[in-house]
Amino acid sequence: MKRSAPLISLLIALFLTTTAHTQSCLPSGIVLGRQSDIDNFYVNFPQCTAIEGRLYIWETDGGGITNLEGLEQIESVGGDLRIIATDALPNLEGLERLQFVGGDLRIFRNESLLDLSGLEGLQSIGGNLIIQENTEFRDLSVLDGVSNFAGEVEIWGNPQLAVCQEALVCDYLTGLDNIYTARVFSNATGCMDPREILEACNVSSTQNVWSTTSLQVYPNPTQHRVQLRGLGPVTATVAVFDGAGQRLFETAYQPDLEVDLSAYPSGLYWLAVSTERGQWVERVVKR
């Protein structure tokens, strides 16, 4: 998937903002293969908060990696972040300060990893999201905090992973043709293929999902109402879903339509606008 110049510029600007008050280090990156490497990171690199290159946590034989608490100072990784072949690592706690990954986020063949807890602060992934062959892995929900994503999605070979309809994945799959190219397979029922995920995202996989720069939804976030503008004189319906995928109501589209969320609690909502051209989906946050 090609990355637009404006999006890449935005990611670079975010990276520079993130690292303006941090200490850059390790331009060639680093590979940490043992628990002692992780525990001593702050000793060996006491001022290192912004790794310029890659960060590989790739367990060697007898490496005994069980936690990432020694990496709690890291705020950004300019290259790939890869967690590979750990035997006893249950989560990613210790990376709570990490906000930016400039390359891929790859989680591969970790025998005991249950989820991505520890990445709650992650806001931006400049490359691909790749989650492969993790025997016990079952939860992607931490990735809902990622607001900037410029790559592709690969999720396969995770036999316990049944829920994949997180915002990042739903947004990616609603992109033009992504439903046909995303590598999603051999997970648990519910996350077996892109169509199954889109159904859970409440986007019909039998419709073309389209986007238009002229359609605007604002204000977003909102406290009460959002207004839809720019669709033009077309026949369309607007359906509103809550964050759990429950359809709340549906209405006919009209120019300058206002969608009133004032009766509903704060949280995440989805607007699905359906026309003969297909369906356009937007995430709305109510404060």
Protein backbone atom coordinates (compact mmCIF):
# COMPACT_ATOMS: atom_id res chain seq x y z
CA MET A 1 0.00 0.00 0.00
CA LYS A 2 1.39 3.35 -0.99
CA ARG A 3 1.83 5.92 1.74
CA SER A 4 0.73 9.45 1.00
CA ALA A 5 3.24 12.26 1.38
CA PRO A 6 0.97 14.22 3.77
CA LEU A 7 0.63 11.21 6.07
CA ILE A 8 4.35 10.53 6.10
CA SER A 9 4.98 14.22 6.80
CA LEU A 10 2.55 14.01 9.70
CA LEU A 11 4.34 10.98 11.12
CA ILE A 12 7.71 12.70 10.83
CA ALA A 13 6.34 15.81 12.53
CA LEU A 14 4.90 13.67 15.32
CA PHE A 15 8.23 11.92 15.74
CA LEU A 16 10.12 15.19 15.94
CA THR A 17 7.64 16.57 18.44
CA THR A 18 7.86 13.41 20.51
CA THR A 19 11.65 13.46 20.59
CA ALA A 20 12.19 17.20 21.00
CA HIS A 21 12.93 16.78 24.69
CA THR A 22 14.44 13.31 24.58
CA GLN A 23 17.89 11.85 24.03
CA SER A 24 18.49 10.14 20.70
CA CYS A 25 20.70 7.07 20.66
CA LEU A 26 21.57 3.82 18.89
CA PRO A 27 21.33 4.93 15.23
CA SER A 28 21.96 1.35 14.12
CA GLY A 29 19.45 -0.02 16.60
CA ILE A 30 19.89 -2.81 19.11
CA VAL A 31 19.01 -6.48 19.60
CA LEU A 32 18.19 -7.62 23.15
CA GLY A 33 18.31 -11.39 23.48
CA ARG A 34 18.43 -12.01 27.23
CA GLN A 35 16.59 -10.80 30.31
CA SER A 36 19.88 -9.38 31.60
CA ASP A 37 20.17 -7.24 28.42
CA ILE A 38 16.78 -5.74 29.18
CA ASP A 39 17.41 -5.30 32.90
CA ASN A 40 20.70 -3.48 32.22
CA PHE A 41 19.47 -1.27 29.40
CA TYR A 42 19.04 1.78 31.62
CA VAL A 43 22.50 1.17 33.07
CA ASN A 44 24.19 0.81 29.70
CA PHE A 45 22.21 3.61 28.04
CA PRO A 46 21.04 5.87 30.87
CA GLN A 47 20.06 8.83 28.66
CA CYS A 48 18.59 6.79 25.81
CA THR A 49 14.91 7.52 25.34
CA ALA A 50 14.66 7.78 21.53
CA ILE A 51 16.18 4.82 19.69
CA GLU A 52 16.99 6.02 16.18
CA GLY A 53 17.26 2.56 14.64
CA ARG A 54 15.46 -0.71 15.21
CA LEU A 55 14.64 -2.41 18.51
CA TYR A 56 14.56 -6.20 18.36
CA ILE A 57 13.65 -8.19 21.43
CA TRP A 58 14.67 -11.57 20.06
CA GLU A 59 15.26 -14.22 22.66
CA THR A 60 18.38 -16.32 22.31
CA ASP A 61 18.65 -19.85 23.67
CA GLY A 62 18.35 -19.64 27.44
CA GLY A 63 17.62 -15.92 27.28
CA GLY A 64 14.87 -16.23 29.87
CA ILE A 65 12.94 -13.09 28.92
CA THR A 66 9.97 -12.68 31.27
CA ASN A 67 9.41 -8.91 31.38
CA LEU A 68 10.39 -5.65 29.68
CA GLU A 69 10.51 -3.45 32.76
CA GLY A 70 14.09 -2.41 32.08
CA LEU A 71 12.94 -0.57 28.94
CA GLU A 72 10.57 1.81 30.67
CA GLN A 73 12.54 4.91 29.60
CA ILE A 74 12.03 4.33 25.85
CA GLU A 75 9.68 6.84 24.20
CA SER A 76 10.28 6.21 20.50
CA VAL A 77 11.80 3.71 18.08
CA GLY A 78 12.75 5.06 14.67
CA GLY A 79 12.88 1.67 12.94
CA ASP A 80 11.06 -1.62 13.47
CA LEU A 81 9.97 -2.86 16.87
CA ARG A 82 10.01 -6.64 16.84
CA ILE A 83 9.19 -9.04 19.68
CA ILE A 84 10.30 -12.47 18.53
CA ALA A 85 10.54 -16.02 19.90
CA THR A 86 10.09 -15.39 23.61
CA ASP A 87 9.05 -18.39 25.70
CA ALA A 88 7.76 -16.83 28.94
CA LEU A 89 6.89 -13.20 28.18
CA PRO A 90 3.17 -12.66 29.05
CA ASN A 91 2.79 -9.01 27.99
CA LEU A 92 4.74 -5.92 26.99
CA GLU A 93 4.58 -4.09 30.29
CA GLY A 94 7.62 -1.87 30.59
CA LEU A 95 6.97 -0.08 27.29
CA GLU A 96 4.27 2.23 28.67
CA ARG A 97 6.18 5.38 27.64
CA LEU A 98 6.57 4.28 24.04
CA GLN A 99 4.61 6.60 21.74
CA PHE A 100 6.13 6.20 18.28
CA VAL A 101 7.34 3.30 16.11
CA GLY A 102 8.68 4.50 12.78
CA GLY A 103 8.80 1.07 11.10
CA ASP A 104 6.92 -2.19 11.55
CA LEU A 105 5.44 -3.47 14.78
CA ARG A 106 5.99 -7.22 14.52
CA ILE A 107 4.94 -9.76 17.16
CA PHE A 108 6.14 -13.21 16.07
CA ARG A 109 6.25 -16.69 17.63
CA ASN A 110 5.92 -15.77 21.29
CA GLU A 111 4.78 -18.85 23.20
CA SER A 112 3.25 -17.18 26.29
CA LEU A 113 2.31 -13.69 25.10
CA LEU A 114 -1.36 -13.02 25.92
CA ASP A 115 -1.81 -9.43 24.82
CA LEU A 116 -0.08 -6.12 24.08
CA SER A 117 -0.62 -4.52 27.48
CA GLY A 118 2.24 -2.11 28.01
CA LEU A 119 1.64 -0.35 24.68
CA GLU A 120 -1.20 1.82 25.97
CA GLY A 121 0.81 4.96 25.15
CA LEU A 122 1.53 3.99 21.53
CA GLN A 123 0.12 6.60 19.16
CA SER A 124 1.81 6.03 15.82
CA ILE A 125 3.05 3.11 13.68
CA GLY A 126 4.87 4.17 10.53
CA GLY A 127 5.14 0.69 9.02
CA ASN A 128 3.11 -2.50 9.09
CA LEU A 129 1.31 -4.29 11.91
CA ILE A 130 2.32 -7.95 11.85
CA ILE A 131 1.08 -10.43 14.44
CA GLN A 132 2.04 -13.99 13.56
CA GLU A 133 2.09 -17.43 15.17
CA ASN A 134 1.67 -16.50 18.81
CA THR A 135 0.27 -19.57 20.53
CA GLU A 136 -1.66 -17.92 23.40
CA PHE A 137 -2.19 -14.43 22.03
CA ARG A 138 -5.81 -13.24 22.32
CA ASP A 139 -6.18 -9.46 22.72
CA LEU A 140 -5.50 -6.51 20.37
CA SER A 141 -7.49 -3.91 22.28
CA VAL A 142 -4.47 -1.85 23.38
CA LEU A 143 -4.03 -0.77 19.75
CA ASP A 144 -7.17 1.37 19.96
CA GLY A 145 -4.86 4.14 21.15
CA VAL A 146 -3.01 4.24 17.81
CA SER A 147 -4.25 7.26 15.85
CA ASN A 148 -1.65 7.29 13.06
CA PHE A 149 -1.03 4.16 11.02
CA ALA A 150 0.68 4.14 7.63
CA GLY A 151 1.18 0.47 6.79
CA GLU A 152 -0.57 -2.81 6.14
CA VAL A 153 -2.05 -5.44 8.44
CA GLU A 154 -1.01 -9.09 8.76
CA ILE A 155 -2.65 -11.18 11.47
CA TRP A 156 -2.32 -14.94 11.09
CA GLY A 157 -1.51 -18.13 12.93
CA ASN A 158 -2.83 -17.01 16.33
CA PRO A 159 -5.20 -19.83 17.35
CA GLN A 160 -6.60 -18.07 20.45
CA LEU A 161 -7.26 -14.69 18.81
CA ALA A 162 -11.02 -14.37 18.18
CA VAL A 163 -11.57 -10.60 18.43
CA CYS A 164 -9.84 -8.40 15.85
CA GLN A 165 -12.35 -5.59 15.31
CA GLU A 166 -10.22 -2.91 16.95
CA ALA A 167 -10.33 0.57 15.49
CA LEU A 168 -6.95 0.36 13.76
CA VAL A 169 -7.85 -2.91 12.03
CA CYS A 170 -11.39 -1.79 11.13
CA ASP A 171 -10.10 1.48 9.68
CA TYR A 172 -7.50 -0.37 7.63
CA LEU A 173 -9.94 -2.93 6.23
CA THR A 174 -12.40 -0.25 5.17
CA GLY A 175 -9.70 1.25 2.94
CA LEU A 176 -10.16 0.69 -0.77
CA ASP A 177 -9.30 -2.93 -1.75
CA ASN A 178 -7.67 -3.68 1.63
CA ILE A 179 -10.27 -6.34 2.36
CA TYR A 180 -8.89 -8.27 -0.61
CA THR A 181 -5.18 -7.83 0.16
CA ALA A 182 -4.97 -8.04 3.97
CA ARG A 183 -3.26 -11.22 5.19
CA VAL A 184 -5.66 -12.41 7.88
CA PHE A 185 -6.11 -16.15 8.34
CA SER A 186 -5.64 -19.15 10.68
CA ASN A 187 -6.80 -17.34 13.80
CA ALA A 188 -9.80 -18.29 15.96
CA THR A 189 -13.37 -17.93 14.70
CA GLY A 190 -14.20 -14.23 14.64
CA CYS A 191 -10.79 -13.32 13.24
CA MET A 192 -10.42 -15.94 10.53
CA ASP A 193 -10.50 -13.60 7.54
CA PRO A 194 -11.05 -9.92 6.65
CA ARG A 195 -14.74 -10.39 5.85
CA GLU A 196 -15.39 -11.90 9.26
CA ILE A 197 -13.67 -8.96 10.92
CA LEU A 198 -15.59 -6.41 8.84
CA GLU A 199 -18.85 -7.98 9.87
CA ALA A 200 -17.82 -7.51 13.50
CA CYS A 201 -16.86 -3.92 12.64
CA ASN A 202 -20.42 -3.52 11.30
CA VAL A 203 -19.22 -2.88 7.76
CA SER A 204 -20.83 -5.13 5.18
CA SER A 205 -18.13 -7.07 3.37
CA THR A 206 -20.44 -7.47 0.37
CA GLN A 207 -20.48 -3.73 -0.27
CA ASN A 208 -17.75 -1.56 -1.66
CA VAL A 209 -16.35 0.64 1.06
CA TRP A 210 -15.60 4.06 -0.31
CA SER A 211 -14.22 7.32 0.95
CA THR A 212 -14.48 10.90 -0.18
CA THR A 213 -12.49 13.95 0.78
CA SER A 214 -15.62 16.09 0.32
CA LEU A 215 -17.62 14.39 3.07
CA GLN A 216 -17.00 15.99 6.44
CA VAL A 217 -18.06 14.99 9.94
CA TYR A 218 -17.56 17.63 12.59
CA PRO A 219 -16.99 18.45 15.34
CA ASN A 220 -15.17 15.24 16.15
CA PRO A 221 -14.73 14.65 19.07
CA THR A 222 -18.13 16.08 20.00
CA GLN A 223 -20.15 16.64 23.14
CA HIS A 224 -23.63 16.47 21.60
CA ARG A 225 -24.07 16.49 17.82
CA VAL A 226 -22.05 15.96 14.68
CA GLN A 227 -22.89 17.37 11.28
CA LEU A 228 -22.40 15.66 7.92
CA ARG A 229 -21.60 17.87 4.95
CA GLY A 230 -20.35 17.55 1.42
CA LEU A 231 -22.00 14.36 0.19
CA GLY A 232 -24.12 16.21 -2.35
CA PRO A 233 -27.60 15.40 -3.65
CA VAL A 234 -27.63 11.62 -3.28
CA THR A 235 -29.93 9.07 -1.74
CA ALA A 236 -28.26 7.64 1.33
CA THR A 237 -28.89 6.30 4.80
CA VAL A 238 -26.87 7.01 7.92
CA ALA A 239 -26.63 4.30 10.57
CA VAL A 240 -25.13 4.89 14.01
CA PHE A 241 -23.45 2.11 16.00
CA ASP A 242 -21.98 2.15 19.48
CA GLY A 243 -18.46 0.96 20.25
CA ALA A 244 -19.70 -2.59 20.90
CA GLY A 245 -21.26 -2.77 17.44
CA GLN A 246 -24.89 -2.34 18.50
CA ARG A 247 -26.98 -0.43 15.94
CA LEU A 248 -28.51 2.56 17.74
CA PHE A 249 -30.57 4.16 15.00
CA GLU A 250 -30.72 4.90 11.29
CA THR A 251 -31.88 7.95 9.39
CA ALA A 252 -32.12 9.20 5.81
CA TYR A 253 -29.30 11.45 4.67
CA GLN A 254 -30.05 15.05 3.81
CA PRO A 255 -27.67 17.98 3.18
CA ASP A 256 -26.15 19.32 6.41
CA LEU A 257 -27.57 16.42 8.39
CA GLU A 258 -27.06 16.61 12.16
CA VAL A 259 -26.66 13.37 14.10
CA ASP A 260 -27.65 13.83 17.72
CA LEU A 261 -25.67 11.77 20.24
CA SER A 262 -26.69 13.78 23.29
CA ALA A 263 -28.83 10.94 24.68
CA TYR A 264 -25.91 8.51 24.67
CA PRO A 265 -22.96 8.17 27.07
CA SER A 266 -19.42 9.28 26.30
CA GLY A 267 -17.43 6.84 24.21
CA LEU A 268 -16.73 5.56 20.71
CA TYR A 269 -19.37 5.51 17.96
CA TRP A 270 -19.44 4.64 14.26
CA LEU A 271 -21.31 6.41 11.46
CA ALA A 272 -21.97 4.29 8.38
CA VAL A 273 -23.22 6.22 5.34
CA SER A 274 -24.63 3.90 2.64
CA THR A 275 -25.27 4.89 -0.96
CA GLU A 276 -25.49 3.05 -4.25
CA ARG A 277 -21.73 3.59 -4.57
CA GLY A 278 -21.02 1.66 -1.41
CA GLN A 279 -20.48 2.50 2.23
CA TRP A 280 -18.40 5.13 4.00
CA VAL A 281 -17.55 4.64 7.68
CA GLU A 282 -16.30 7.19 10.19
CA ARG A 283 -15.35 6.84 13.83
CA VAL A 284 -16.78 9.49 16.16
CA VAL A 285 -15.77 10.13 19.76
CA LYS A 286 -18.29 11.62 22.17
CA ARG A 287 -16.81 13.30 25.21
